[in-house]
C-alpha atoms as a PDB file:
ATOM      1  CA  UNK A   1      13.030  22.805-122.329  1.00  0.00           C
ATOM      2  CA  UNK A   2       9.400  22.267-121.479  1.00  0.00           C
ATOM      3  CA  UNK A   3       7.500  24.535-119.177  1.00  0.00           C
ATOM      4  CA  UNK A   4       6.924  23.451-115.568  1.00  0.00           C
ATOM      5  CA  UNK A   5       3.414  22.829-114.468  1.00  0.00           C
ATOM      6  CA  UNK A   6       2.125  25.318-111.974  1.00  0.00           C
ATOM      7  CA  UNK A   7       1.496  23.940-108.473  1.00  0.00           C
ATOM      8  CA  UNK A   8      -1.613  26.005-108.117  1.00  0.00           C
ATOM      9  CA  UNK A   9      -3.238  23.972-110.828  1.00  0.00           C
ATOM     10  CA  UNK A  10      -2.764  20.720-108.960  1.00  0.00           C
ATOM     11  CA  UNK A  11      -5.404  19.795-106.440  1.00  0.00           C
ATOM     12  CA  UNK A  12      -3.598  19.608-103.096  1.00  0.00           C
ATOM     13  CA  UNK A  13      -5.553  17.591-100.451  1.00  0.00           C
ATOM     14  CA  UNK A  14      -6.249  19.507 -97.292  1.00  0.00           C
ATOM     15  CA  UNK A  15      -4.621  18.089 -94.111  1.00  0.00           C
ATOM     16  CA  UNK A  16      -6.962  16.408 -91.689  1.00  0.00           C
ATOM     17  CA  UNK A  17      -7.986  18.624 -88.848  1.00  0.00           C
ATOM     18  CA  UNK A  18      -6.905  17.555 -85.403  1.00  0.00           C
ATOM     19  CA  UNK A  19      -9.624  16.626 -83.042  1.00  0.00           C
ATOM     20  CA  UNK A  20      -9.698  19.182 -80.272  1.00  0.00           C
ATOM     21  CA  UNK A  21     -10.973  16.573 -77.821  1.00  0.00           C
ATOM     22  CA  UNK A  22      -8.010  14.188 -78.345  1.00  0.00           C
ATOM     23  CA  UNK A  23      -5.168  14.449 -75.750  1.00  0.00           C
ATOM     24  CA  UNK A  24      -1.875  15.825 -76.935  1.00  0.00           C
ATOM     25  CA  UNK A  25       1.005  13.444 -77.409  1.00  0.00           C
ATOM     26  CA  UNK A  26       3.609  13.720 -74.624  1.00  0.00           C
ATOM     27  CA  UNK A  27       7.091  14.899 -75.474  1.00  0.00           C
ATOM     28  CA  UNK A  28       9.752  12.231 -75.798  1.00  0.00           C
ATOM     29  CA  UNK A  29      13.130  12.754 -74.058  1.00  0.00           C
ATOM     30  CA  UNK A  30      16.280  10.705 -73.691  1.00  0.00           C
ATOM     31  CA  UNK A  31      15.133   9.417 -70.309  1.00  0.00           C
ATOM     32  CA  UNK A  32      11.628   8.505 -71.443  1.00  0.00           C
ATOM     33  CA  UNK A  33       8.324  10.296 -71.696  1.00  0.00           C
ATOM     34  CA  UNK A  34       8.392  13.730 -70.138  1.00  0.00           C
ATOM     35  CA  UNK A  35       4.694  13.878 -69.342  1.00  0.00           C
ATOM     36  CA  UNK A  36       3.131  10.397 -69.569  1.00  0.00           C
ATOM     37  CA  UNK A  37      -0.327  10.265 -71.041  1.00  0.00           C
ATOM     38  CA  UNK A  38      -3.010   9.753 -68.411  1.00  0.00           C
ATOM     39  CA  UNK A  39      -4.574   6.327 -68.400  1.00  0.00           C
ATOM     40  CA  UNK A  40      -8.206   6.455 -67.342  1.00  0.00           C
ATOM     41  CA  UNK A  41      -8.579   2.697 -67.175  1.00  0.00           C
ATOM     42  CA  UNK A  42      -6.083   2.262 -64.334  1.00  0.00           C
ATOM     43  CA  UNK A  43      -5.989   4.300 -61.198  1.00  0.00           C
ATOM     44  CA  UNK A  44      -2.637   5.994 -60.687  1.00  0.00           C
ATOM     45  CA  UNK A  45      -1.040   4.570 -57.496  1.00  0.00           C
ATOM     46  CA  UNK A  46       2.425   5.527 -56.185  1.00  0.00           C
ATOM     47  CA  UNK A  47       5.002   2.736 -56.443  1.00  0.00           C
ATOM     48  CA  UNK A  48       6.966   2.117 -53.248  1.00  0.00           C
ATOM     49  CA  UNK A  49      10.699   1.772 -53.742  1.00  0.00           C
ATOM     50  CA  UNK A  50      12.897   0.726 -50.858  1.00  0.00           C
ATOM     51  CA  UNK A  51      15.808   3.171 -50.616  1.00  0.00           C
ATOM     52  CA  UNK A  52      17.133   1.994 -47.263  1.00  0.00           C
ATOM     53  CA  UNK A  53      20.738   3.018 -46.530  1.00  0.00           C
ATOM     54  CA  UNK A  54      22.590   2.299 -43.292  1.00  0.00           C
ATOM     55  CA  UNK A  55      25.375   4.391 -41.820  1.00  0.00           C
ATOM     56  CA  UNK A  56      27.869   2.267 -39.862  1.00  0.00           C
ATOM     57  CA  UNK A  57      30.419   3.946 -37.613  1.00  0.00           C
ATOM     58  CA  UNK A  58      32.173   3.407 -34.286  1.00  0.00           C
ATOM     59  CA  UNK A  59      33.493   5.320 -31.306  1.00  0.00           C
ATOM     60  CA  UNK A  60      37.088   6.252 -30.658  1.00  0.00           C
ATOM     61  CA  UNK A  61      39.464   3.947 -28.743  1.00  0.00           C
ATOM     62  CA  UNK A  62      37.729   0.830 -30.058  1.00  0.00           C
ATOM     63  CA  UNK A  63      39.666  -2.439 -29.763  1.00  0.00           C
ATOM     64  CA  UNK A  64      40.884  -4.304 -32.833  1.00  0.00           C
ATOM     65  CA  UNK A  65      38.492  -7.272 -32.405  1.00  0.00           C
ATOM     66  CA  UNK A  66      35.435  -5.031 -32.330  1.00  0.00           C
ATOM     67  CA  UNK A  67      36.758  -3.014 -35.267  1.00  0.00           C
ATOM     68  CA  UNK A  68      37.131  -6.239 -37.275  1.00  0.00           C
ATOM     69  CA  UNK A  69      33.548  -7.164 -36.358  1.00  0.00           C
ATOM     70  CA  UNK A  70      32.338  -3.788 -37.638  1.00  0.00           C
ATOM     71  CA  UNK A  71      34.240  -4.250 -40.919  1.00  0.00           C
ATOM     72  CA  UNK A  72      32.720  -7.723 -41.303  1.00  0.00           C
ATOM     73  CA  UNK A  73      29.220  -6.265 -40.918  1.00  0.00           C
ATOM     74  CA  UNK A  74      30.057  -3.539 -43.463  1.00  0.00           C
ATOM     75  CA  UNK A  75      31.176  -6.176 -45.973  1.00  0.00           C
ATOM     76  CA  UNK A  76      27.913  -8.125 -45.460  1.00  0.00           C
ATOM     77  CA  UNK A  77      25.638  -5.140 -46.148  1.00  0.00           C
ATOM     78  CA  UNK A  78      26.022  -3.681 -49.667  1.00  0.00           C
ATOM     79  CA  UNK A  79      23.642  -0.824 -48.796  1.00  0.00           C
ATOM     80  CA  UNK A  80      25.854   0.321 -45.893  1.00  0.00           C
ATOM     81  CA  UNK A  81      28.055   3.406 -45.742  1.00  0.00           C
ATOM     82  CA  UNK A  82      31.064   3.628 -43.437  1.00  0.00           C
ATOM     83  CA  UNK A  83      32.099   6.880 -41.794  1.00  0.00           C
ATOM     84  CA  UNK A  84      34.827   8.209 -39.502  1.00  0.00           C
ATOM     85  CA  UNK A  85      34.918   7.577 -35.782  1.00  0.00           C
ATOM     86  CA  UNK A  86      32.662   9.598 -33.498  1.00  0.00           C
ATOM     87  CA  UNK A  87      33.478  10.679 -29.960  1.00  0.00           C
ATOM     88  CA  UNK A  88      31.385   8.754 -27.455  1.00  0.00           C
ATOM     89  CA  UNK A  89      29.801  11.556 -25.426  1.00  0.00           C
ATOM     90  CA  UNK A  90      26.351  12.543 -24.252  1.00  0.00           C
ATOM     91  CA  UNK A  91      25.903  14.667 -27.399  1.00  0.00           C
ATOM     92  CA  UNK A  92      26.673  11.790 -29.766  1.00  0.00           C
ATOM     93  CA  UNK A  93      23.000  11.447 -30.719  1.00  0.00           C
ATOM     94  CA  UNK A  94      22.813  14.880 -32.357  1.00  0.00           C
ATOM     95  CA  UNK A  95      26.145  14.308 -34.108  1.00  0.00           C
ATOM     96  CA  UNK A  96      25.082  10.932 -35.473  1.00  0.00           C
ATOM     97  CA  UNK A  97      21.711  12.242 -36.658  1.00  0.00           C
ATOM     98  CA  UNK A  98      23.507  15.014 -38.537  1.00  0.00           C
ATOM     99  CA  UNK A  99      25.924  12.511 -40.103  1.00  0.00           C
ATOM    100  CA  UNK A 100      23.032  10.272 -41.176  1.00  0.00           C
ATOM    101  CA  UNK A 101      21.345  13.238 -42.844  1.00  0.00           C
ATOM    102  CA  UNK A 102      24.557  14.306 -44.607  1.00  0.00           C
ATOM    103  CA  UNK A 103      25.168  10.774 -45.911  1.00  0.00           C
ATOM    104  CA  UNK A 104      21.558  10.524 -47.141  1.00  0.00           C
ATOM    105  CA  UNK A 105      20.864   7.458 -44.965  1.00  0.00           C
ATOM    106  CA  UNK A 106      17.783   6.389 -43.056  1.00  0.00           C
ATOM    107  CA  UNK A 107      19.284   4.083 -40.376  1.00  0.00           C
ATOM    108  CA  UNK A 108      22.412   3.904 -38.252  1.00  0.00           C
ATOM    109  CA  UNK A 109      24.520   1.191 -36.593  1.00  0.00           C
ATOM    110  CA  UNK A 110      26.855   2.708 -34.001  1.00  0.00           C
ATOM    111  CA  UNK A 111      29.532   0.501 -32.367  1.00  0.00           C
ATOM    112  CA  UNK A 112      30.338   2.045 -28.990  1.00  0.00           C
ATOM    113  CA  UNK A 113      33.279   0.661 -27.007  1.00  0.00           C
ATOM    114  CA  UNK A 114      33.603   1.383 -23.269  1.00  0.00           C
ATOM    115  CA  UNK A 115      36.819   0.836 -21.264  1.00  0.00           C
ATOM    116  CA  UNK A 116      38.227  -1.062 -24.288  1.00  0.00           C
ATOM    117  CA  UNK A 117      36.362  -4.115 -22.951  1.00  0.00           C
ATOM    118  CA  UNK A 118      32.622  -3.709 -23.440  1.00  0.00           C
ATOM    119  CA  UNK A 119      30.955  -3.281 -26.836  1.00  0.00           C
ATOM    120  CA  UNK A 120      27.524  -1.704 -27.234  1.00  0.00           C
ATOM    121  CA  UNK A 121      25.604  -1.461 -30.518  1.00  0.00           C
ATOM    122  CA  UNK A 122      23.083   1.305 -31.133  1.00  0.00           C
ATOM    123  CA  UNK A 123      20.502   0.400 -33.784  1.00  0.00           C
ATOM    124  CA  UNK A 124      18.491   3.491 -34.711  1.00  0.00           C
ATOM    125  CA  UNK A 125      16.049   4.746 -37.320  1.00  0.00           C
ATOM    126  CA  UNK A 126      16.910   8.358 -38.017  1.00  0.00           C
ATOM    127  CA  UNK A 127      15.833  11.035 -37.364  1.00  0.00           C
ATOM    128  CA  UNK A 128      12.566  10.158 -35.581  1.00  0.00           C
ATOM    129  CA  UNK A 129      13.398   6.781 -34.019  1.00  0.00           C
ATOM    130  CA  UNK A 130      12.945   4.313 -32.500  1.00  0.00           C
ATOM    131  CA  UNK A 131      16.370   3.163 -31.330  1.00  0.00           C
ATOM    132  CA  UNK A 132      17.715   0.165 -29.405  1.00  0.00           C
ATOM    133  CA  UNK A 133      20.843  -0.252 -27.304  1.00  0.00           C
ATOM    134  CA  UNK A 134      22.428  -3.718 -27.189  1.00  0.00           C
ATOM    135  CA  UNK A 135      25.290  -5.229 -25.236  1.00  0.00           C
ATOM    136  CA  UNK A 136      27.365  -7.469 -27.520  1.00  0.00           C
ATOM    137  CA  UNK A 137      28.687 -10.782 -26.188  1.00  0.00           C
ATOM    138  CA  UNK A 138      30.361 -13.870 -27.690  1.00  0.00           C
ATOM    139  CA  UNK A 139      32.065 -11.990 -30.535  1.00  0.00           C
ATOM    140  CA  UNK A 140      33.823 -14.127 -33.176  1.00  0.00           C
ATOM    141  CA  UNK A 141      35.022 -12.432 -36.363  1.00  0.00           C
ATOM    142  CA  UNK A 142      35.551 -14.026 -39.782  1.00  0.00           C
ATOM    143  CA  UNK A 143      39.337 -13.947 -39.313  1.00  0.00           C
ATOM    144  CA  UNK A 144      39.098 -15.918 -36.061  1.00  0.00           C
ATOM    145  CA  UNK A 145      36.676 -18.603 -37.207  1.00  0.00           C
ATOM    146  CA  UNK A 146      38.236 -19.524 -40.584  1.00  0.00           C
ATOM    147  CA  UNK A 147      35.129 -21.438 -41.614  1.00  0.00           C
ATOM    148  CA  UNK A 148      34.728 -23.189 -44.965  1.00  0.00           C
ATOM    149  CA  UNK A 149      31.602 -21.282 -46.023  1.00  0.00           C
ATOM    150  CA  UNK A 150      31.847 -18.545 -48.633  1.00  0.00           C
ATOM    151  CA  UNK A 151      29.426 -16.403 -50.615  1.00  0.00           C
ATOM    152  CA  UNK A 152      29.644 -13.564 -53.091  1.00  0.00           C
ATOM    153  CA  UNK A 153      30.125 -10.070 -51.763  1.00  0.00           C
ATOM    154  CA  UNK A 154      27.080  -7.902 -52.327  1.00  0.00           C
ATOM    155  CA  UNK A 155      24.509 -10.659 -52.775  1.00  0.00           C
ATOM    156  CA  UNK A 156      21.170 -10.283 -51.013  1.00  0.00           C
ATOM    157  CA  UNK A 157      20.533 -12.290 -47.815  1.00  0.00           C
ATOM    158  CA  UNK A 158      17.472 -14.265 -46.745  1.00  0.00           C
ATOM    159  CA  UNK A 159      16.466 -13.181 -43.231  1.00  0.00           C
ATOM    160  CA  UNK A 160      15.157 -15.924 -40.934  1.00  0.00           C
ATOM    161  CA  UNK A 161      13.751 -15.404 -37.443  1.00  0.00           C
ATOM    162  CA  UNK A 162      12.827 -17.880 -34.741  1.00  0.00           C
ATOM    163  CA  UNK A 163       9.209 -18.211 -33.626  1.00  0.00           C
ATOM    164  CA  UNK A 164       9.990 -16.372 -30.358  1.00  0.00           C
ATOM    165  CA  UNK A 165       9.973 -13.019 -32.159  1.00  0.00           C
ATOM    166  CA  UNK A 166       6.167 -13.115 -32.475  1.00  0.00           C
ATOM    167  CA  UNK A 167       5.439 -13.566 -28.770  1.00  0.00           C
ATOM    168  CA  UNK A 168       5.973 -10.117 -27.204  1.00  0.00           C
ATOM    169  CA  UNK A 169       5.628  -6.597 -28.563  1.00  0.00           C
ATOM    170  CA  UNK A 170       9.244  -5.580 -28.003  1.00  0.00           C
ATOM    171  CA  UNK A 171      10.465  -8.639 -29.928  1.00  0.00           C
ATOM    172  CA  UNK A 172       8.141  -7.735 -32.813  1.00  0.00           C
ATOM    173  CA  UNK A 173       9.585  -4.217 -32.859  1.00  0.00           C
ATOM    174  CA  UNK A 174      13.149  -5.570 -32.862  1.00  0.00           C
ATOM    175  CA  UNK A 175      12.254  -7.970 -35.684  1.00  0.00           C
ATOM    176  CA  UNK A 176      10.934  -5.114 -37.832  1.00  0.00           C
ATOM    177  CA  UNK A 177      14.018  -2.967 -37.174  1.00  0.00           C
ATOM    178  CA  UNK A 178      16.406  -5.838 -37.975  1.00  0.00           C
ATOM    179  CA  UNK A 179      14.464  -6.570 -41.176  1.00  0.00           C
ATOM    180  CA  UNK A 180      14.748  -2.974 -42.349  1.00  0.00           C
ATOM    181  CA  UNK A 181      18.428  -2.549 -41.447  1.00  0.00           C
ATOM    182  CA  UNK A 182      19.881  -5.949 -42.441  1.00  0.00           C
ATOM    183  CA  UNK A 183      17.629  -6.567 -45.451  1.00  0.00           C
ATOM    184  CA  UNK A 184      19.232  -5.412 -48.716  1.00  0.00           C
ATOM    185  CA  UNK A 185      16.806  -3.406 -50.895  1.00  0.00           C
ATOM    186  CA  UNK A 186      15.828  -4.794 -54.278  1.00  0.00           C
ATOM    187  CA  UNK A 187      17.806  -3.404 -57.244  1.00  0.00           C
ATOM    188  CA  UNK A 188      20.267  -1.694 -54.935  1.00  0.00           C
ATOM    189  CA  UNK A 189      23.209  -0.246 -56.857  1.00  0.00           C
ATOM    190  CA  UNK A 190      25.961  -2.331 -55.221  1.00  0.00           C
ATOM    191  CA  UNK A 191      23.977  -5.521 -54.676  1.00  0.00           C
ATOM    192  CA  UNK A 192      23.747  -8.698 -56.739  1.00  0.00           C
ATOM    193  CA  UNK A 193      20.221  -9.666 -57.896  1.00  0.00           C
ATOM    194  CA  UNK A 194      20.088 -13.100 -56.239  1.00  0.00           C
ATOM    195  CA  UNK A 195      20.263 -14.864 -52.876  1.00  0.00           C
ATOM    196  CA  UNK A 196      23.109 -17.151 -51.825  1.00  0.00           C
ATOM    197  CA  UNK A 197      23.303 -16.771 -48.029  1.00  0.00           C
ATOM    198  CA  UNK A 198      21.047 -16.661 -44.966  1.00  0.00           C
ATOM    199  CA  UNK A 199      21.058 -14.388 -41.922  1.00  0.00           C
ATOM    200  CA  UNK A 200      19.666 -16.355 -38.960  1.00  0.00           C
ATOM    201  CA  UNK A 201      18.378 -14.493 -35.885  1.00  0.00           C
ATOM    202  CA  UNK A 202      17.260 -16.647 -32.950  1.00  0.00           C
ATOM    203  CA  UNK A 203      16.269 -15.852 -29.367  1.00  0.00           C
ATOM    204  CA  UNK A 204      17.845 -17.981 -26.622  1.00  0.00           C
ATOM    205  CA  UNK A 205      17.799 -16.892 -22.951  1.00  0.00           C
ATOM    206  CA  UNK A 206      16.445 -13.433 -23.936  1.00  0.00           C
ATOM    207  CA  UNK A 207      19.477 -12.868 -26.185  1.00  0.00           C
ATOM    208  CA  UNK A 208      19.507 -12.506 -29.985  1.00  0.00           C
ATOM    209  CA  UNK A 209      22.074 -14.822 -31.585  1.00  0.00           C
ATOM    210  CA  UNK A 210      23.304 -14.015 -35.093  1.00  0.00           C
ATOM    211  CA  UNK A 211      24.634 -16.550 -37.613  1.00  0.00           C
ATOM    212  CA  UNK A 212      25.493 -16.251 -41.315  1.00  0.00           C
ATOM    213  CA  UNK A 213      25.188 -19.331 -43.575  1.00  0.00           C
ATOM    214  CA  UNK A 214      26.007 -19.957 -47.212  1.00  0.00           C
ATOM    215  CA  UNK A 215      23.398 -21.763 -49.327  1.00  0.00           C
ATOM    216  CA  UNK A 216      25.388 -24.591 -50.876  1.00  0.00           C
ATOM    217  CA  UNK A 217      23.906 -26.235 -53.997  1.00  0.00           C
ATOM    218  CA  UNK A 218      25.647 -29.036 -55.982  1.00  0.00           C
ATOM    219  CA  UNK A 219      26.490 -27.957 -59.539  1.00  0.00           C
ATOM    220  CA  UNK A 220      27.244 -31.316 -61.192  1.00  0.00           C
ATOM    221  CA  UNK A 221      24.895 -32.402 -63.946  1.00  0.00           C
ATOM    222  CA  UNK A 222      24.231 -35.712 -62.241  1.00  0.00           C
ATOM    223  CA  UNK A 223      23.462 -33.961 -58.924  1.00  0.00           C
ATOM    224  CA  UNK A 224      21.486 -31.125 -60.468  1.00  0.00           C
ATOM    225  CA  UNK A 225      18.754 -29.963 -58.107  1.00  0.00           C
ATOM    226  CA  UNK A 226      15.229 -30.229 -59.494  1.00  0.00           C
ATOM    227  CA  UNK A 227      12.726 -27.470 -59.014  1.00  0.00           C
ATOM    228  CA  UNK A 228      11.351 -27.743 -55.521  1.00  0.00           C
ATOM    229  CA  UNK A 229      13.914 -30.347 -54.442  1.00  0.00           C
ATOM    230  CA  UNK A 230      15.552 -29.021 -51.268  1.00  0.00           C
ATOM    231  CA  UNK A 231      17.049 -32.301 -50.017  1.00  0.00           C
ATOM    232  CA  UNK A 232      20.453 -31.704 -51.605  1.00  0.00           C
ATOM    233  CA  UNK A 233      20.740 -28.051 -50.513  1.00  0.00           C
ATOM    234  CA  UNK A 234      22.921 -27.566 -47.432  1.00  0.00           C
ATOM    235  CA  UNK A 235      23.910 -24.617 -45.238  1.00  0.00           C
ATOM    236  CA  UNK A 236      27.586 -23.886 -44.505  1.00  0.00           C
ATOM    237  CA  UNK A 237      28.443 -21.296 -41.861  1.00  0.00           C
ATOM    238  CA  UNK A 238      30.455 -18.288 -42.979  1.00  0.00           C
ATOM    239  CA  UNK A 239      30.615 -15.950 -39.977  1.00  0.00           C
ATOM    240  CA  UNK A 240      30.817 -13.682 -38.082  1.00  0.00           C
ATOM    241  CA  UNK A 241      29.106 -14.661 -34.839  1.00  0.00           C
ATOM    242  CA  UNK A 242      27.824 -12.388 -32.092  1.00  0.00           C
ATOM    243  CA  UNK A 243      25.116 -12.212 -29.447  1.00  0.00           C
ATOM    244  CA  UNK A 244      22.936  -9.150 -28.767  1.00  0.00           C
ATOM    245  CA  UNK A 245      21.575  -8.500 -25.290  1.00  0.00           C
ATOM    246  CA  UNK A 246      18.855  -5.788 -25.488  1.00  0.00           C
ATOM    247  CA  UNK A 247      19.157  -3.149 -22.768  1.00  0.00           C
ATOM    248  CA  UNK A 248      16.619  -0.429 -23.619  1.00  0.00           C
ATOM    249  CA  UNK A 249      14.323   0.612 -26.454  1.00  0.00           C
ATOM    250  CA  UNK A 250      13.903   4.369 -26.880  1.00  0.00           C
ATOM    251  CA  UNK A 251      11.143   6.230 -28.669  1.00  0.00           C
ATOM    252  CA  UNK A 252      13.506   8.674 -30.383  1.00  0.00           C
ATOM    253  CA  UNK A 253      16.773   8.427 -32.258  1.00  0.00           C
ATOM    254  CA  UNK A 254      19.603   7.757 -29.744  1.00  0.00           C
ATOM    255  CA  UNK A 255      17.379   8.835 -26.870  1.00  0.00           C
ATOM    256  CA  UNK A 256      13.871   9.879 -25.955  1.00  0.00           C
ATOM    257  CA  UNK A 257      11.212   8.167 -23.842  1.00  0.00           C
ATOM    258  CA  UNK A 258      11.957   4.614 -22.749  1.00  0.00           C
ATOM    259  CA  UNK A 259       9.596   2.148 -24.416  1.00  0.00           C
ATOM    260  CA  UNK A 260      11.108  -1.023 -22.937  1.00  0.00           C
ATOM    261  CA  UNK A 261      13.774  -1.854 -20.359  1.00  0.00           C
ATOM    262  CA  UNK A 262      15.236  -5.319 -19.906  1.00  0.00           C
ATOM    263  CA  UNK A 263      14.625  -6.392 -16.270  1.00  0.00           C
ATOM    264  CA  UNK A 264      17.254  -9.174 -16.474  1.00  0.00           C
ATOM    265  CA  UNK A 265      20.099  -6.976 -17.699  1.00  0.00           C
ATOM    266  CA  UNK A 266      23.222  -6.819 -15.514  1.00  0.00           C
ATOM    267  CA  UNK A 267      25.930  -4.372 -16.534  1.00  0.00           C
ATOM    268  CA  UNK A 268      29.503  -5.646 -17.067  1.00  0.00           C
ATOM    269  CA  UNK A 269      30.745  -3.270 -14.340  1.00  0.00           C
ATOM    270  CA  UNK A 270      28.572  -5.020 -11.752  1.00  0.00           C
ATOM    271  CA  UNK A 271      29.810  -8.426 -12.925  1.00  0.00           C
ATOM    272  CA  UNK A 272      33.454  -7.323 -12.628  1.00  0.00           C
ATOM    273  CA  UNK A 273      32.772  -5.811  -9.187  1.00  0.00           C
ATOM    274  CA  UNK A 274      31.284  -9.110  -7.958  1.00  0.00           C
ATOM    275  CA  UNK A 275      34.260 -11.072  -9.325  1.00  0.00           C
ATOM    276  CA  UNK A 276      36.659  -8.666  -7.620  1.00  0.00           C
ATOM    277  CA  UNK A 277      34.715  -8.959  -4.385  1.00  0.00           C
ATOM    278  CA  UNK A 278      34.880 -12.755  -4.533  1.00  0.00           C
ATOM    279  CA  UNK A 279      38.631 -12.636  -5.094  1.00  0.00           C
ATOM    280  CA  UNK A 280      39.012 -10.213  -2.183  1.00  0.00           C
ATOM    281  CA  UNK A 281      36.947 -12.595  -0.024  1.00  0.00           C
ATOM    282  CA  UNK A 282      39.367 -15.445  -0.763  1.00  0.00           C
ATOM    283  CA  UNK A 283      42.314 -13.315   0.357  1.00  0.00           C
ATOM    284  CA  UNK A 284      40.483 -12.255   3.518  1.00  0.00           C
ATOM    285  CA  UNK A 285      39.796 -15.925   4.334  1.00  0.00           C
ATOM    286  CA  UNK A 286      43.529 -16.714   3.993  1.00  0.00           C
ATOM    287  CA  UNK A 287      44.473 -13.876   6.367  1.00  0.00           C
ATOM    288  CA  UNK A 288      41.875 -14.978   8.930  1.00  0.00           C
ATOM    289  CA  UNK A 289      43.136 -18.575   8.734  1.00  0.00           C
ATOM    290  CA  UNK A 290      46.714 -17.432   9.443  1.00  0.00           C
ATOM    291  CA  UNK A 291      45.677 -15.355  12.459  1.00  0.00           C
ATOM    292  CA  UNK A 292      43.623 -18.246  13.839  1.00  0.00           C
ATOM    293  CA  UNK A 293      46.618 -20.564  13.451  1.00  0.00           C
ATOM    294  CA  UNK A 294      48.939 -18.181  15.304  1.00  0.00           C
ATOM    295  CA  UNK A 295      46.412 -17.694  18.104  1.00  0.00           C
ATOM    296  CA  UNK A 296      46.013 -21.461  18.389  1.00  0.00           C
ATOM    297  CA  UNK A 297      49.788 -21.929  18.632  1.00  0.00           C
ATOM    298  CA  UNK A 298      50.032 -19.302  21.385  1.00  0.00           C
ATOM    299  CA  UNK A 299      47.137 -20.755  23.365  1.00  0.00           C
ATOM    300  CA  UNK A 300      48.342 -24.354  23.037  1.00  0.00           C
ATOM    301  CA  UNK A 301      52.165 -24.376  23.315  1.00  0.00           C
ATOM    302  CA  UNK A 302      54.021 -27.656  22.812  1.00  0.00           C
ATOM    303  CA  UNK A 303      55.266 -29.456  25.952  1.00  0.00           C
ATOM    304  CA  UNK A 304      59.028 -29.650  26.370  1.00  0.00           C
ATOM    305  CA  UNK A 305      60.204 -33.239  25.903  1.00  0.00           C
ATOM    306  CA  UNK A 306      62.785 -35.070  28.088  1.00  0.00           C
ATOM    307  CA  UNK A 307      65.290 -35.232  25.212  1.00  0.00           C
ATOM    308  CA  UNK A 308      64.956 -31.557  24.179  1.00  0.00           C
ATOM    309  CA  UNK A 309      68.295 -30.486  25.782  1.00  0.00           C
ATOM    310  CA  UNK A 310      70.159 -33.615  24.778  1.00  0.00           C
ATOM    311  CA  UNK A 311      72.232 -32.145  21.861  1.00  0.00           C
ATOM    312  CA  UNK A 312      72.772 -28.653  23.285  1.00  0.00           C
ATOM    313  CA  UNK A 313      75.897 -29.724  25.161  1.00  0.00           C
END
């Protein structure tokens, strides 16, 4: 066998020296670059990502209609989390703030039922506020309406507001809170990446009316909608329906200084008391009419006729 050539005899090229001024290459991991290389051309700016999550819960002894309304709202909001019932006491604010923190949420919708008749909704940004208390009227759930509209569960809604929301400061604040709570964040884990329904909020008689519509588009090839052609797109109502009457706006979460108070608000207890008083007034009028009739009969007795004793024999 022939002898091997010695490696020392071969001229081995020296490796190129690394430039000490060049930045080191970042380490690559399974999740991406561990330390991204700094880019001097572009200024590093933090990217805002909406991580809004809403905790939805209710008070104890809630009626079945209001519970169905709460479940309908939960099904409409893919970024919502449902929790157990909370006792409706004065200390409910601290309890709800603690629950919101434990569930890693930033907002809360609390359905509070009083006397199994009246429904109040607390809409709060936790833990620093503000918060709003509403009285809910004209409640119609999805099961009651049985409308023809339908949309996919988890799809993102388009929020529309009437022009009245830009008039006063308290309406602007309510518009911003509704936008943050009812608007589904982009790329949310349980949401679909497209829009197929509309949430409509309108102010009529100082009340906020809520409607949910499906965006109906024809899918036939002959009726295919061109880009920008909105004539063939229609809205079909899905439900639920409810009306929000704002009572107070607080500076904190479920309490704090009062920022706004509705001067036209009348509590349901006062309305029921007036109705009861009117009914009691009708009964009192009947009693007075009977006493007047008896007094009139006693003061004006009937004269005895000439044939009164005719059949007594």
